[in-house]
Amino acid sequence: MLIPVVAAVMAVLYAGWATRNRKSGDVAELAGYARFREAMERSHSGSDAA
């Protein structure tokens, strides 16, 4: 009887962790992506590969 109870508690803990608020991470990732795009535009703007 102990195994189903432990599994249920672990499922509840995992569900709470999986649905947590992650808004701050998205903002940081979008800022990093913007910096990446700017760096790629700068590296290609000065060279003519043709």
PDB file of N, CA and C in Angstrom:
ATOM      1  N   MET A   1       0.808  -1.202   0.000  1.00  0.00           N
ATOM      2  CA  MET A   1       0.000   0.000   0.000  1.00  0.00           C
ATOM      3  C   MET A   1       0.850   1.265   0.000  1.00  0.00           C
ATOM      4  N   LEU A   2       2.081   1.143   0.373  1.00  0.00           N
ATOM      5  CA  LEU A   2       2.930   2.331   0.471  1.00  0.00           C
ATOM      6  C   LEU A   2       3.391   2.824  -0.909  1.00  0.00           C
ATOM      7  N   ILE A   3       3.607   1.927  -1.840  1.00  0.00           N
ATOM      8  CA  ILE A   3       4.103   2.309  -3.165  1.00  0.00           C
ATOM      9  C   ILE A   3       3.120   3.222  -3.907  1.00  0.00           C
ATOM     10  N   PRO A   4       1.821   2.937  -3.958  1.00  0.00           N
ATOM     11  CA  PRO A   4       0.898   3.859  -4.642  1.00  0.00           C
ATOM     12  C   PRO A   4       0.820   5.230  -3.976  1.00  0.00           C
ATOM     13  N   VAL A   5       0.932   5.274  -2.667  1.00  0.00           N
ATOM     14  CA  VAL A   5       0.882   6.556  -1.963  1.00  0.00           C
ATOM     15  C   VAL A   5       2.113   7.390  -2.307  1.00  0.00           C
ATOM     16  N   VAL A   6       3.281   6.775  -2.297  1.00  0.00           N
ATOM     17  CA  VAL A   6       4.513   7.485  -2.653  1.00  0.00           C
ATOM     18  C   VAL A   6       4.451   7.945  -4.107  1.00  0.00           C
ATOM     19  N   ALA A   7       3.942   7.108  -4.992  1.00  0.00           N
ATOM     20  CA  ALA A   7       3.829   7.483  -6.407  1.00  0.00           C
ATOM     21  C   ALA A   7       2.870   8.655  -6.583  1.00  0.00           C
ATOM     22  N   ALA A   8       1.781   8.675  -5.840  1.00  0.00           N
ATOM     23  CA  ALA A   8       0.829   9.781  -5.940  1.00  0.00           C
ATOM     24  C   ALA A   8       1.441  11.080  -5.437  1.00  0.00           C
ATOM     25  N   VAL A   9       2.177  11.024  -4.351  1.00  0.00           N
ATOM     26  CA  VAL A   9       2.835  12.224  -3.821  1.00  0.00           C
ATOM     27  C   VAL A   9       3.865  12.738  -4.818  1.00  0.00           C
ATOM     28  N   MET A  10       4.637  11.843  -5.402  1.00  0.00           N
ATOM     29  CA  MET A  10       5.636  12.256  -6.385  1.00  0.00           C
ATOM     30  C   MET A  10       4.965  12.852  -7.619  1.00  0.00           C
ATOM     31  N   ALA A  11       3.829  12.313  -8.040  1.00  0.00           N
ATOM     32  CA  ALA A  11       3.103  12.846  -9.193  1.00  0.00           C
ATOM     33  C   ALA A  11       2.593  14.253  -8.905  1.00  0.00           C
ATOM     34  N   VAL A  12       2.101  14.482  -7.715  1.00  0.00           N
ATOM     35  CA  VAL A  12       1.616  15.819  -7.349  1.00  0.00           C
ATOM     36  C   VAL A  12       2.774  16.808  -7.320  1.00  0.00           C
ATOM     37  N   LEU A  13       3.898  16.406  -6.760  1.00  0.00           N
ATOM     38  CA  LEU A  13       5.070  17.296  -6.726  1.00  0.00           C
ATOM     39  C   LEU A  13       5.569  17.608  -8.137  1.00  0.00           C
ATOM     40  N   TYR A  14       5.612  16.600  -9.001  1.00  0.00           N
ATOM     41  CA  TYR A  14       6.059  16.822 -10.367  1.00  0.00           C
ATOM     42  C   TYR A  14       5.094  17.737 -11.121  1.00  0.00           C
ATOM     43  N   ALA A  15       3.817  17.552 -10.931  1.00  0.00           N
ATOM     44  CA  ALA A  15       2.829  18.397 -11.609  1.00  0.00           C
ATOM     45  C   ALA A  15       2.986  19.850 -11.172  1.00  0.00           C
ATOM     46  N   GLY A  16       3.228  20.087  -9.912  1.00  0.00           N
ATOM     47  CA  GLY A  16       3.456  21.453  -9.427  1.00  0.00           C
ATOM     48  C   GLY A  16       4.715  22.051 -10.009  1.00  0.00           C
ATOM     49  N   TRP A  17       5.748  21.242 -10.130  1.00  0.00           N
ATOM     50  CA  TRP A  17       7.009  21.739 -10.692  1.00  0.00           C
ATOM     51  C   TRP A  17       6.869  22.009 -12.191  1.00  0.00           C
ATOM     52  N   ALA A  18       6.155  21.157 -12.895  1.00  0.00           N
ATOM     53  CA  ALA A  18       6.021  21.289 -14.344  1.00  0.00           C
ATOM     54  C   ALA A  18       5.167  22.490 -14.736  1.00  0.00           C
ATOM     55  N   THR A  19       4.249  22.896 -13.887  1.00  0.00           N
ATOM     56  CA  THR A  19       3.361  24.011 -14.227  1.00  0.00           C
ATOM     57  C   THR A  19       3.767  25.314 -13.560  1.00  0.00           C
ATOM     58  N   ARG A  20       4.982  25.395 -13.090  1.00  0.00           N
ATOM     59  CA  ARG A  20       5.428  26.619 -12.413  1.00  0.00           C
ATOM     60  C   ARG A  20       5.527  27.774 -13.405  1.00  0.00           C
ATOM     61  N   ASN A  21       5.588  28.966 -12.894  1.00  0.00           N
ATOM     62  CA  ASN A  21       5.639  30.175 -13.716  1.00  0.00           C
ATOM     63  C   ASN A  21       7.063  30.379 -14.220  1.00  0.00           C
ATOM     64  N   ARG A  22       7.237  30.456 -15.509  1.00  0.00           N
ATOM     65  CA  ARG A  22       8.577  30.585 -16.104  1.00  0.00           C
ATOM     66  C   ARG A  22       8.725  31.870 -16.920  1.00  0.00           C
ATOM     67  N   LYS A  23       8.015  32.918 -16.578  1.00  0.00           N
ATOM     68  CA  LYS A  23       8.037  34.139 -17.377  1.00  0.00           C
ATOM     69  C   LYS A  23       9.420  34.783 -17.413  1.00  0.00           C
ATOM     70  N   SER A  24      10.158  34.777 -16.322  1.00  0.00           N
ATOM     71  CA  SER A  24      11.452  35.452 -16.294  1.00  0.00           C
ATOM     72  C   SER A  24      12.451  34.779 -17.226  1.00  0.00           C
ATOM     73  N   GLY A  25      12.398  33.459 -17.366  1.00  0.00           N
ATOM     74  CA  GLY A  25      13.310  32.746 -18.260  1.00  0.00           C
ATOM     75  C   GLY A  25      13.059  33.085 -19.714  1.00  0.00           C
ATOM     76  N   ASP A  26      11.803  33.261 -20.079  1.00  0.00           N
ATOM     77  CA  ASP A  26      11.482  33.597 -21.460  1.00  0.00           C
ATOM     78  C   ASP A  26      12.050  34.953 -21.846  1.00  0.00           C
ATOM     79  N   VAL A  27      11.980  35.914 -20.938  1.00  0.00           N
ATOM     80  CA  VAL A  27      12.502  37.254 -21.219  1.00  0.00           C
ATOM     81  C   VAL A  27      14.007  37.187 -21.435  1.00  0.00           C
ATOM     82  N   ALA A  28      14.700  36.430 -20.605  1.00  0.00           N
ATOM     83  CA  ALA A  28      16.147  36.302 -20.749  1.00  0.00           C
ATOM     84  C   ALA A  28      16.505  35.599 -22.056  1.00  0.00           C
ATOM     85  N   GLU A  29      15.742  34.583 -22.432  1.00  0.00           N
ATOM     86  CA  GLU A  29      16.021  33.874 -23.678  1.00  0.00           C
ATOM     87  C   GLU A  29      15.776  34.768 -24.886  1.00  0.00           C
ATOM     88  N   LEU A  30      14.720  35.574 -24.851  1.00  0.00           N
ATOM     89  CA  LEU A  30      14.446  36.475 -25.973  1.00  0.00           C
ATOM     90  C   LEU A  30      15.533  37.540 -26.094  1.00  0.00           C
ATOM     91  N   ALA A  31      16.037  38.035 -24.968  1.00  0.00           N
ATOM     92  CA  ALA A  31      17.113  39.015 -25.009  1.00  0.00           C
ATOM     93  C   ALA A  31      18.375  38.386 -25.584  1.00  0.00           C
ATOM     94  N   GLY A  32      18.665  37.161 -25.210  1.00  0.00           N
ATOM     95  CA  GLY A  32      19.827  36.466 -25.756  1.00  0.00           C
ATOM     96  C   GLY A  32      19.695  36.235 -27.253  1.00  0.00           C
ATOM     97  N   TYR A  33      18.502  35.898 -27.703  1.00  0.00           N
ATOM     98  CA  TYR A  33      18.273  35.696 -29.129  1.00  0.00           C
ATOM     99  C   TYR A  33      18.451  37.002 -29.899  1.00  0.00           C
ATOM    100  N   ALA A  34      17.995  38.113 -29.320  1.00  0.00           N
ATOM    101  CA  ALA A  34      18.162  39.412 -29.981  1.00  0.00           C
ATOM    102  C   ALA A  34      19.641  39.760 -30.099  1.00  0.00           C
ATOM    103  N   ARG A  35      20.414  39.492 -29.049  1.00  0.00           N
ATOM    104  CA  ARG A  35      21.867  39.743 -29.118  1.00  0.00           C
ATOM    105  C   ARG A  35      22.523  38.865 -30.174  1.00  0.00           C
ATOM    106  N   PHE A  36      22.074  37.608 -30.280  1.00  0.00           N
ATOM    107  CA  PHE A  36      22.611  36.701 -31.281  1.00  0.00           C
ATOM    108  C   PHE A  36      22.335  37.215 -32.692  1.00  0.00           C
ATOM    109  N   ARG A  37      21.110  37.668 -32.938  1.00  0.00           N
ATOM    110  CA  ARG A  37      20.770  38.197 -34.261  1.00  0.00           C
ATOM    111  C   ARG A  37      21.597  39.422 -34.598  1.00  0.00           C
ATOM    112  N   GLU A  38      21.779  40.323 -33.624  1.00  0.00           N
ATOM    113  CA  GLU A  38      22.590  41.520 -33.870  1.00  0.00           C
ATOM    114  C   GLU A  38      24.027  41.140 -34.204  1.00  0.00           C
ATOM    115  N   ALA A  39      24.578  40.179 -33.496  1.00  0.00           N
ATOM    116  CA  ALA A  39      25.949  39.749 -33.756  1.00  0.00           C
ATOM    117  C   ALA A  39      26.072  39.120 -35.139  1.00  0.00           C
ATOM    118  N   MET A  40      25.088  38.334 -35.550  1.00  0.00           N
ATOM    119  CA  MET A  40      25.140  37.714 -36.871  1.00  0.00           C
ATOM    120  C   MET A  40      25.010  38.758 -37.974  1.00  0.00           C
ATOM    121  N   GLU A  41      24.188  39.778 -37.765  1.00  0.00           N
ATOM    122  CA  GLU A  41      24.042  40.823 -38.772  1.00  0.00           C
ATOM    123  C   GLU A  41      25.334  41.617 -38.908  1.00  0.00           C
ATOM    124  N   ARG A  42      25.999  41.868 -37.800  1.00  0.00           N
ATOM    125  CA  ARG A  42      27.267  42.612 -37.855  1.00  0.00           C
ATOM    126  C   ARG A  42      28.337  41.805 -38.556  1.00  0.00           C
ATOM    127  N   SER A  43      28.390  40.486 -38.332  1.00  0.00           N
ATOM    128  CA  SER A  43      29.452  39.692 -38.929  1.00  0.00           C
ATOM    129  C   SER A  43      29.269  39.552 -40.430  1.00  0.00           C
ATOM    130  N   HIS A  44      28.037  39.626 -40.923  1.00  0.00           N
ATOM    131  CA  HIS A  44      27.800  39.472 -42.359  1.00  0.00           C
ATOM    132  C   HIS A  44      27.778  40.810 -43.092  1.00  0.00           C
ATOM    133  N   SER A  45      27.594  41.914 -42.404  1.00  0.00           N
ATOM    134  CA  SER A  45      27.427  43.181 -43.092  1.00  0.00           C
ATOM    135  C   SER A  45      28.741  43.709 -43.670  1.00  0.00           C
ATOM    136  N   GLY A  46      29.896  43.367 -43.091  1.00  0.00           N
ATOM    137  CA  GLY A  46      31.160  43.907 -43.568  1.00  0.00           C
ATOM    138  C   GLY A  46      31.855  43.046 -44.595  1.00  0.00           C
ATOM    139  N   SER A  47      31.403  41.822 -44.828  1.00  0.00           N
ATOM    140  CA  SER A  47      32.110  40.935 -45.753  1.00  0.00           C
ATOM    141  C   SER A  47      31.246  40.636 -46.974  1.00  0.00           C
ATOM    142  N   ASP A  48      31.881  40.574 -48.135  1.00  0.00           N
ATOM    143  CA  ASP A  48      31.184  40.228 -49.354  1.00  0.00           C
ATOM    144  C   ASP A  48      31.712  38.881 -49.819  1.00  0.00           C
ATOM    145  N   ALA A  49      30.948  37.822 -49.589  1.00  0.00           N
ATOM    146  CA  ALA A  49      31.414  36.459 -49.863  1.00  0.00           C
ATOM    147  C   ALA A  49      31.271  36.067 -51.333  1.00  0.00           C
ATOM    148  N   ALA A  50      30.694  36.871 -52.159  1.00  0.00           N
ATOM    149  CA  ALA A  50      30.468  36.509 -53.557  1.00  0.00           C
ATOM    150  C   ALA A  50      31.646  36.821 -54.366  1.00  0.00           C
TER     151      ALA A  50
END
